[in-house]
Amino acid sequence: MSTTSLLIPTPDGKADAFAAFPDDGERHPGVLMYADAFGIRPVLREMAEELAGHGYYVLVPNYFYRHGPAPLTGLPEYIGGEERPALIARLMPWIEGHTTEQILRDADAYLRFLTAQPEVGAGPVAVTGYCFGGLLAVRTAVAHPGQVAAVAGFHAPVGADGPESLRRLTAQVHFGHAETDLTPEALGELNQALDAAGVEYTSEIYPGTVHGFTMSDTDAFDASALQHHWDRLLPLLDRALTGNG
């Protein structure tokens, strides 16, 4: 396994990033991974490395690069319930100020950079994201229908742009929702939009989970839900990017 730190040129500067990929000298399908709002840190590096171990080149950009390189806040090693509100309060101005125009300009730059890497093979890519990063993943997939073949979002506000946005998806989809984030009624409405898009998808509430369940450095972490996330994500990527499954 190879890992590296990178700088991605964008119209607004250079975004620092982390990449993980097999060190076998071969070219592999590309995956753009958007972190949760807490950003690039050891747990995200571990998740990127885990995914890369299955045969993918995984690029994780710091999408808050306009405010400086990651990590942007004084993150503790473990984000407990008592620290979370203060951390979110510091991040919220960046989240609210991260405009759709910035997101789409960045997505263009990230995908251009990803597909230009010598370790990345020709063909479509996938986009996955966590928390706020899941919304960025959906916006990226909607804006690049010919390039993004799969999109996944976990404990993410994937429906924040409304059903019309979801209906424009062409990628294969998996959405894994926290039980505390989405009611069954809201899930039904979201899935109706995916039905209207005519895409292959799974979209489900992971039972007993709270927001942030994939992140092992938080008290929201649920080990069985993280495994379920891999059980959904890996076959999705295999079908969409390698033609298997």
C-alpha atoms as a PDB file:
ATOM      1  CA  MET A   1       0.000   0.000   0.000  1.00  0.00           C
ATOM      2  CA  SER A   2       1.234   3.473  -0.914  1.00  0.00           C
ATOM      3  CA  THR A   3       0.063   6.694   0.701  1.00  0.00           C
ATOM      4  CA  THR A   4       0.964  10.260  -0.152  1.00  0.00           C
ATOM      5  CA  SER A   5       0.110  13.865   0.623  1.00  0.00           C
ATOM      6  CA  LEU A   6      -0.791  16.018  -2.373  1.00  0.00           C
ATOM      7  CA  LEU A   7      -1.771  19.518  -3.433  1.00  0.00           C
ATOM      8  CA  ILE A   8      -4.660  19.794  -5.890  1.00  0.00           C
ATOM      9  CA  PRO A   9      -4.740  22.939  -8.069  1.00  0.00           C
ATOM     10  CA  THR A  10      -8.163  24.610  -8.031  1.00  0.00           C
ATOM     11  CA  PRO A  11      -9.448  27.953  -9.353  1.00  0.00           C
ATOM     12  CA  ASP A  12      -9.285  29.275  -5.779  1.00  0.00           C
ATOM     13  CA  GLY A  13      -5.893  27.970  -4.687  1.00  0.00           C
ATOM     14  CA  LYS A  14      -4.410  24.604  -3.818  1.00  0.00           C
ATOM     15  CA  ALA A  15      -6.291  22.001  -1.801  1.00  0.00           C
ATOM     16  CA  ASP A  16      -4.197  19.738   0.368  1.00  0.00           C
ATOM     17  CA  ALA A  17      -5.185  16.098   0.036  1.00  0.00           C
ATOM     18  CA  PHE A  18      -4.346  12.534   0.992  1.00  0.00           C
ATOM     19  CA  ALA A  19      -4.243   9.560  -1.366  1.00  0.00           C
ATOM     20  CA  ALA A  20      -3.963   5.832  -0.831  1.00  0.00           C
ATOM     21  CA  PHE A  21      -3.526   3.229  -3.553  1.00  0.00           C
ATOM     22  CA  PRO A  22      -2.096  -0.258  -4.171  1.00  0.00           C
ATOM     23  CA  ASP A  23       1.660  -0.266  -4.687  1.00  0.00           C
ATOM     24  CA  ASP A  24       1.574  -2.963  -7.357  1.00  0.00           C
ATOM     25  CA  GLY A  25       2.509  -0.673 -10.240  1.00  0.00           C
ATOM     26  CA  GLU A  26      -0.884  -1.213 -11.889  1.00  0.00           C
ATOM     27  CA  ARG A  27      -3.602   1.321 -12.696  1.00  0.00           C
ATOM     28  CA  HIS A  28      -6.770   1.163 -10.636  1.00  0.00           C
ATOM     29  CA  PRO A  29     -10.246   2.734 -10.656  1.00  0.00           C
ATOM     30  CA  GLY A  30     -10.413   6.118  -8.972  1.00  0.00           C
ATOM     31  CA  VAL A  31     -12.545   7.003  -5.960  1.00  0.00           C
ATOM     32  CA  LEU A  32     -13.026  10.538  -4.665  1.00  0.00           C
ATOM     33  CA  MET A  33     -13.733  10.369  -0.922  1.00  0.00           C
ATOM     34  CA  TYR A  34     -15.172  13.383   0.876  1.00  0.00           C
ATOM     35  CA  ALA A  35     -14.502  13.375   4.616  1.00  0.00           C
ATOM     36  CA  ASP A  36     -17.009  14.405   7.226  1.00  0.00           C
ATOM     37  CA  ALA A  37     -16.843  18.013   8.402  1.00  0.00           C
ATOM     38  CA  PHE A  38     -14.079  17.190  10.894  1.00  0.00           C
ATOM     39  CA  GLY A  39     -11.841  16.604   7.889  1.00  0.00           C
ATOM     40  CA  ILE A  40      -8.717  14.616   7.095  1.00  0.00           C
ATOM     41  CA  ARG A  41      -7.383  12.900  10.216  1.00  0.00           C
ATOM     42  CA  PRO A  42      -6.163   9.407  11.176  1.00  0.00           C
ATOM     43  CA  VAL A  43      -9.556   7.704  10.922  1.00  0.00           C
ATOM     44  CA  LEU A  44     -10.103   9.047   7.393  1.00  0.00           C
ATOM     45  CA  ARG A  45      -6.635   7.935   6.372  1.00  0.00           C
ATOM     46  CA  GLU A  46      -7.407   4.465   7.736  1.00  0.00           C
ATOM     47  CA  MET A  47     -10.675   4.306   5.811  1.00  0.00           C
ATOM     48  CA  ALA A  48      -8.981   5.434   2.597  1.00  0.00           C
ATOM     49  CA  GLU A  49      -6.287   2.811   3.075  1.00  0.00           C
ATOM     50  CA  GLU A  50      -8.909   0.130   3.735  1.00  0.00           C
ATOM     51  CA  LEU A  51     -10.697   1.006   0.521  1.00  0.00           C
ATOM     52  CA  ALA A  52      -7.435   1.203  -1.441  1.00  0.00           C
ATOM     53  CA  GLY A  53      -6.627  -2.294  -0.230  1.00  0.00           C
ATOM     54  CA  HIS A  54      -9.552  -3.532  -2.311  1.00  0.00           C
ATOM     55  CA  GLY A  55      -7.957  -2.238  -5.499  1.00  0.00           C
ATOM     56  CA  TYR A  56      -8.811   1.461  -5.746  1.00  0.00           C
ATOM     57  CA  TYR A  57      -6.961   4.753  -5.920  1.00  0.00           C
ATOM     58  CA  VAL A  58      -8.613   6.844  -3.192  1.00  0.00           C
ATOM     59  CA  LEU A  59      -8.261  10.631  -3.097  1.00  0.00           C
ATOM     60  CA  VAL A  60      -9.372  12.529   0.031  1.00  0.00           C
ATOM     61  CA  PRO A  61      -9.273  16.333  -0.393  1.00  0.00           C
ATOM     62  CA  ASN A  62      -9.442  18.925   2.343  1.00  0.00           C
ATOM     63  CA  TYR A  63     -12.497  20.736   1.003  1.00  0.00           C
ATOM     64  CA  PHE A  64     -12.065  23.513   3.593  1.00  0.00           C
ATOM     65  CA  TYR A  65      -8.643  24.357   2.136  1.00  0.00           C
ATOM     66  CA  ARG A  66      -9.621  28.012   1.716  1.00  0.00           C
ATOM     67  CA  HIS A  67      -9.301  28.281   5.495  1.00  0.00           C
ATOM     68  CA  GLY A  68      -5.924  26.522   5.651  1.00  0.00           C
ATOM     69  CA  PRO A  69      -4.464  23.002   5.536  1.00  0.00           C
ATOM     70  CA  ALA A  70      -5.941  20.121   7.505  1.00  0.00           C
ATOM     71  CA  PRO A  71      -6.435  19.698  10.361  1.00  0.00           C
ATOM     72  CA  LEU A  72      -8.193  23.045  10.659  1.00  0.00           C
ATOM     73  CA  THR A  73      -9.397  22.753  14.211  1.00  0.00           C
ATOM     74  CA  GLY A  74      -7.786  21.476  17.365  1.00  0.00           C
ATOM     75  CA  LEU A  75      -9.344  18.030  17.123  1.00  0.00           C
ATOM     76  CA  PRO A  76      -8.940  15.713  20.094  1.00  0.00           C
ATOM     77  CA  GLU A  77      -7.887  12.146  19.389  1.00  0.00           C
ATOM     78  CA  TYR A  78     -11.384  11.076  20.423  1.00  0.00           C
ATOM     79  CA  ILE A  79     -14.398  13.278  19.762  1.00  0.00           C
ATOM     80  CA  GLY A  80     -16.725  12.701  22.665  1.00  0.00           C
ATOM     81  CA  GLY A  81     -20.162  14.126  23.184  1.00  0.00           C
ATOM     82  CA  GLU A  82     -18.858  16.954  25.336  1.00  0.00           C
ATOM     83  CA  GLU A  83     -16.432  18.169  22.640  1.00  0.00           C
ATOM     84  CA  ARG A  84     -18.749  17.829  19.631  1.00  0.00           C
ATOM     85  CA  PRO A  85     -20.955  20.929  20.120  1.00  0.00           C
ATOM     86  CA  ALA A  86     -17.971  23.269  20.413  1.00  0.00           C
ATOM     87  CA  LEU A  87     -16.259  21.718  17.399  1.00  0.00           C
ATOM     88  CA  ILE A  88     -19.410  21.947  15.297  1.00  0.00           C
ATOM     89  CA  ALA A  89     -19.849  25.577  16.331  1.00  0.00           C
ATOM     90  CA  ARG A  90     -16.348  26.344  15.021  1.00  0.00           C
ATOM     91  CA  LEU A  91     -16.993  24.472  11.776  1.00  0.00           C
ATOM     92  CA  MET A  92     -20.482  25.801  11.090  1.00  0.00           C
ATOM     93  CA  PRO A  93     -19.389  29.098   9.499  1.00  0.00           C
ATOM     94  CA  TRP A  94     -17.227  27.132   7.060  1.00  0.00           C
ATOM     95  CA  ILE A  95     -20.067  24.696   6.311  1.00  0.00           C
ATOM     96  CA  GLU A  96     -22.592  27.482   5.780  1.00  0.00           C
ATOM     97  CA  GLY A  97     -20.119  29.504   3.717  1.00  0.00           C
ATOM     98  CA  HIS A  98     -19.160  26.602   1.468  1.00  0.00           C
ATOM     99  CA  THR A  99     -21.266  27.608  -1.516  1.00  0.00           C
ATOM    100  CA  THR A 100     -22.604  25.392  -4.261  1.00  0.00           C
ATOM    101  CA  GLU A 101     -20.453  27.321  -6.741  1.00  0.00           C
ATOM    102  CA  GLN A 102     -17.316  26.587  -4.700  1.00  0.00           C
ATOM    103  CA  ILE A 103     -18.296  22.938  -4.329  1.00  0.00           C
ATOM    104  CA  LEU A 104     -18.772  22.480  -8.063  1.00  0.00           C
ATOM    105  CA  ARG A 105     -15.564  24.327  -8.998  1.00  0.00           C
ATOM    106  CA  ASP A 106     -13.687  22.148  -6.550  1.00  0.00           C
ATOM    107  CA  ALA A 107     -15.357  18.971  -7.791  1.00  0.00           C
ATOM    108  CA  ASP A 108     -14.188  19.742 -11.325  1.00  0.00           C
ATOM    109  CA  ALA A 109     -10.648  20.216 -10.052  1.00  0.00           C
ATOM    110  CA  TYR A 110     -10.670  17.118  -7.847  1.00  0.00           C
ATOM    111  CA  LEU A 111     -11.938  14.867 -10.641  1.00  0.00           C
ATOM    112  CA  ARG A 112      -9.510  16.334 -13.165  1.00  0.00           C
ATOM    113  CA  PHE A 113      -6.638  15.725 -10.742  1.00  0.00           C
ATOM    114  CA  LEU A 114      -7.809  12.229  -9.803  1.00  0.00           C
ATOM    115  CA  THR A 115      -8.142  10.994 -13.363  1.00  0.00           C
ATOM    116  CA  ALA A 116      -4.745  12.461 -14.325  1.00  0.00           C
ATOM    117  CA  GLN A 117      -2.839  10.394 -11.775  1.00  0.00           C
ATOM    118  CA  PRO A 118      -0.627   7.735 -13.366  1.00  0.00           C
ATOM    119  CA  GLU A 119      -1.956   5.105 -10.956  1.00  0.00           C
ATOM    120  CA  VAL A 120      -5.576   5.708 -12.012  1.00  0.00           C
ATOM    121  CA  GLY A 121      -7.016   3.745 -14.901  1.00  0.00           C
ATOM    122  CA  ALA A 122      -9.191   5.056 -17.695  1.00  0.00           C
ATOM    123  CA  GLY A 123     -12.925   4.842 -17.231  1.00  0.00           C
ATOM    124  CA  PRO A 124     -15.513   6.107 -14.790  1.00  0.00           C
ATOM    125  CA  VAL A 125     -14.893   6.977 -11.155  1.00  0.00           C
ATOM    126  CA  ALA A 126     -16.881   6.790  -7.934  1.00  0.00           C
ATOM    127  CA  VAL A 127     -17.575   9.374  -5.269  1.00  0.00           C
ATOM    128  CA  THR A 128     -18.299   8.643  -1.628  1.00  0.00           C
ATOM    129  CA  GLY A 129     -18.820  10.924   1.334  1.00  0.00           C
ATOM    130  CA  TYR A 130     -19.607  11.080   5.018  1.00  0.00           C
ATOM    131  CA  CYS A 131     -21.788  13.601   6.850  1.00  0.00           C
ATOM    132  CA  PHE A 132     -21.464  16.951   5.000  1.00  0.00           C
ATOM    133  CA  GLY A 133     -19.137  15.168   2.579  1.00  0.00           C
ATOM    134  CA  GLY A 134     -22.049  13.007   1.475  1.00  0.00           C
ATOM    135  CA  LEU A 135     -23.868  16.081   0.214  1.00  0.00           C
ATOM    136  CA  LEU A 136     -20.715  17.080  -1.684  1.00  0.00           C
ATOM    137  CA  ALA A 137     -20.592  13.577  -3.163  1.00  0.00           C
ATOM    138  CA  VAL A 138     -24.168  13.851  -4.439  1.00  0.00           C
ATOM    139  CA  ARG A 139     -23.561  17.288  -5.929  1.00  0.00           C
ATOM    140  CA  THR A 140     -20.427  15.989  -7.639  1.00  0.00           C
ATOM    141  CA  ALA A 141     -22.270  13.004  -9.090  1.00  0.00           C
ATOM    142  CA  VAL A 142     -25.166  15.138 -10.341  1.00  0.00           C
ATOM    143  CA  ALA A 143     -22.752  17.585 -12.003  1.00  0.00           C
ATOM    144  CA  HIS A 144     -20.696  14.842 -13.703  1.00  0.00           C
ATOM    145  CA  PRO A 145     -23.182  12.273 -15.007  1.00  0.00           C
ATOM    146  CA  GLY A 146     -20.884  10.947 -17.696  1.00  0.00           C
ATOM    147  CA  GLN A 147     -17.933  10.449 -15.387  1.00  0.00           C
ATOM    148  CA  VAL A 148     -19.266   9.358 -11.988  1.00  0.00           C
ATOM    149  CA  ALA A 149     -20.595   5.812 -12.175  1.00  0.00           C
ATOM    150  CA  ALA A 150     -21.268   5.301  -8.456  1.00  0.00           C
ATOM    151  CA  VAL A 151     -22.059   7.544  -5.506  1.00  0.00           C
ATOM    152  CA  ALA A 152     -22.398   6.662  -1.844  1.00  0.00           C
ATOM    153  CA  GLY A 153     -23.294   8.779   1.159  1.00  0.00           C
ATOM    154  CA  PHE A 154     -23.328   7.805   4.826  1.00  0.00           C
ATOM    155  CA  HIS A 155     -25.101   9.636   7.667  1.00  0.00           C
ATOM    156  CA  ALA A 156     -25.292  12.482   5.173  1.00  0.00           C
ATOM    157  CA  PRO A 157     -27.856  15.134   4.187  1.00  0.00           C
ATOM    158  CA  VAL A 158     -28.056  13.622   0.721  1.00  0.00           C
ATOM    159  CA  GLY A 159     -31.517  15.005   0.051  1.00  0.00           C
ATOM    160  CA  ALA A 160     -30.725  18.573   1.076  1.00  0.00           C
ATOM    161  CA  ASP A 161     -30.996  19.896  -2.492  1.00  0.00           C
ATOM    162  CA  GLY A 162     -34.476  18.439  -2.917  1.00  0.00           C
ATOM    163  CA  PRO A 163     -35.940  15.618  -4.992  1.00  0.00           C
ATOM    164  CA  GLU A 164     -35.302  17.335  -8.316  1.00  0.00           C
ATOM    165  CA  SER A 165     -31.562  17.094  -7.730  1.00  0.00           C
ATOM    166  CA  LEU A 166     -31.751  13.394  -6.889  1.00  0.00           C
ATOM    167  CA  ARG A 167     -33.804  12.763  -9.999  1.00  0.00           C
ATOM    168  CA  ARG A 168     -30.857  13.967 -12.084  1.00  0.00           C
ATOM    169  CA  LEU A 169     -28.581  11.219 -10.790  1.00  0.00           C
ATOM    170  CA  THR A 170     -27.324   8.705 -13.321  1.00  0.00           C
ATOM    171  CA  ALA A 171     -24.812   6.889 -11.092  1.00  0.00           C
ATOM    172  CA  GLN A 172     -25.494   3.728  -9.140  1.00  0.00           C
ATOM    173  CA  VAL A 173     -26.295   4.735  -5.570  1.00  0.00           C
ATOM    174  CA  HIS A 174     -26.040   3.621  -1.976  1.00  0.00           C
ATOM    175  CA  PHE A 175     -27.226   5.821   0.871  1.00  0.00           C
ATOM    176  CA  GLY A 176     -26.769   4.608   4.435  1.00  0.00           C
ATOM    177  CA  HIS A 177     -28.767   6.751   6.843  1.00  0.00           C
ATOM    178  CA  ALA A 178     -28.494   7.074  10.605  1.00  0.00           C
ATOM    179  CA  GLU A 179     -31.664   6.225  12.462  1.00  0.00           C
ATOM    180  CA  THR A 180     -31.520   9.599  14.211  1.00  0.00           C
ATOM    181  CA  ASP A 181     -31.109  11.502  10.915  1.00  0.00           C
ATOM    182  CA  LEU A 182     -34.049  10.283   8.871  1.00  0.00           C
ATOM    183  CA  THR A 183     -37.595   9.143   9.575  1.00  0.00           C
ATOM    184  CA  PRO A 184     -39.062   6.225   7.645  1.00  0.00           C
ATOM    185  CA  GLU A 185     -41.428   8.697   5.978  1.00  0.00           C
ATOM    186  CA  ALA A 186     -38.549  10.908   4.831  1.00  0.00           C
ATOM    187  CA  LEU A 187     -36.716   7.816   3.599  1.00  0.00           C
ATOM    188  CA  GLY A 188     -39.744   6.907   1.496  1.00  0.00           C
ATOM    189  CA  GLU A 189     -39.817  10.364  -0.093  1.00  0.00           C
ATOM    190  CA  LEU A 190     -36.092  10.249  -0.835  1.00  0.00           C
ATOM    191  CA  ASN A 191     -36.386   6.807  -2.368  1.00  0.00           C
ATOM    192  CA  GLN A 192     -39.266   7.959  -4.555  1.00  0.00           C
ATOM    193  CA  ALA A 193     -36.888  10.516  -6.067  1.00  0.00           C
ATOM    194  CA  LEU A 194     -34.359   7.747  -6.718  1.00  0.00           C
ATOM    195  CA  ASP A 195     -37.097   5.649  -8.297  1.00  0.00           C
ATOM    196  CA  ALA A 196     -37.879   8.592 -10.572  1.00  0.00           C
ATOM    197  CA  ALA A 197     -34.204   8.821 -11.549  1.00  0.00           C
ATOM    198  CA  GLY A 198     -34.372   5.244 -12.784  1.00  0.00           C
ATOM    199  CA  VAL A 199     -31.013   4.379 -11.222  1.00  0.00           C
ATOM    200  CA  GLU A 200     -29.888   1.222  -9.503  1.00  0.00           C
ATOM    201  CA  TYR A 201     -29.832   2.019  -5.790  1.00  0.00           C
ATOM    202  CA  THR A 202     -30.052   0.953  -2.189  1.00  0.00           C
ATOM    203  CA  SER A 203     -31.083   3.536   0.381  1.00  0.00           C
ATOM    204  CA  GLU A 204     -31.726   2.396   3.912  1.00  0.00           C
ATOM    205  CA  ILE A 205     -31.685   3.355   7.561  1.00  0.00           C
ATOM    206  CA  TYR A 206     -29.013   1.493   9.501  1.00  0.00           C
ATOM    207  CA  PRO A 207     -30.884   0.292  12.623  1.00  0.00           C
ATOM    208  CA  GLY A 208     -29.877   1.657  16.004  1.00  0.00           C
ATOM    209  CA  THR A 209     -27.383   4.178  14.597  1.00  0.00           C
ATOM    210  CA  VAL A 210     -26.787   7.842  15.336  1.00  0.00           C
ATOM    211  CA  HIS A 211     -25.235  10.502  13.144  1.00  0.00           C
ATOM    212  CA  GLY A 212     -21.549   9.778  12.530  1.00  0.00           C
ATOM    213  CA  PHE A 213     -21.750   6.006  13.007  1.00  0.00           C
ATOM    214  CA  THR A 214     -18.832   5.207  10.642  1.00  0.00           C
ATOM    215  CA  MET A 215     -16.269   7.308  12.499  1.00  0.00           C
ATOM    216  CA  SER A 216     -14.308   5.278  15.050  1.00  0.00           C
ATOM    217  CA  ASP A 217     -12.843   8.387  16.705  1.00  0.00           C
ATOM    218  CA  THR A 218     -16.269   9.584  17.858  1.00  0.00           C
ATOM    219  CA  ASP A 219     -18.772   8.351  20.407  1.00  0.00           C
ATOM    220  CA  ALA A 220     -21.273   7.924  17.553  1.00  0.00           C
ATOM    221  CA  PHE A 221     -19.259   4.973  16.246  1.00  0.00           C
ATOM    222  CA  ASP A 222     -21.027   1.667  15.648  1.00  0.00           C
ATOM    223  CA  ALA A 223     -18.696  -1.156  14.598  1.00  0.00           C
ATOM    224  CA  SER A 224     -21.430  -3.315  13.089  1.00  0.00           C
ATOM    225  CA  ALA A 225     -22.777  -0.353  11.107  1.00  0.00           C
ATOM    226  CA  LEU A 226     -19.281   0.418   9.808  1.00  0.00           C
ATOM    227  CA  GLN A 227     -19.011  -3.183   8.590  1.00  0.00           C
ATOM    228  CA  HIS A 228     -22.445  -2.907   6.975  1.00  0.00           C
ATOM    229  CA  HIS A 229     -21.169   0.250   5.237  1.00  0.00           C
ATOM    230  CA  TRP A 230     -18.279  -1.750   3.752  1.00  0.00           C
ATOM    231  CA  ASP A 231     -20.653  -4.588   2.822  1.00  0.00           C
ATOM    232  CA  ARG A 232     -22.691  -2.093   0.794  1.00  0.00           C
ATOM    233  CA  LEU A 233     -19.921   0.133  -0.541  1.00  0.00           C
ATOM    234  CA  LEU A 234     -17.520  -2.488  -1.871  1.00  0.00           C
ATOM    235  CA  PRO A 235     -20.038  -4.366  -4.052  1.00  0.00           C
ATOM    236  CA  LEU A 236     -21.334  -1.031  -5.376  1.00  0.00           C
ATOM    237  CA  LEU A 237     -17.860  -0.010  -6.495  1.00  0.00           C
ATOM    238  CA  ASP A 238     -17.158  -3.444  -7.892  1.00  0.00           C
ATOM    239  CA  ARG A 239     -20.312  -3.373 -10.037  1.00  0.00           C
ATOM    240  CA  ALA A 240     -19.936   0.210 -11.221  1.00  0.00           C
ATOM    241  CA  LEU A 241     -16.189   0.417 -11.766  1.00  0.00           C
ATOM    242  CA  THR A 242     -15.048  -3.079 -12.643  1.00  0.00           C
ATOM    243  CA  GLY A 243     -18.190  -4.573 -14.173  1.00  0.00           C
ATOM    244  CA  ASN A 244     -18.291  -7.431 -11.678  1.00  0.00           C
ATOM    245  CA  GLY A 245     -21.212  -8.393  -9.508  1.00  0.00           C
END
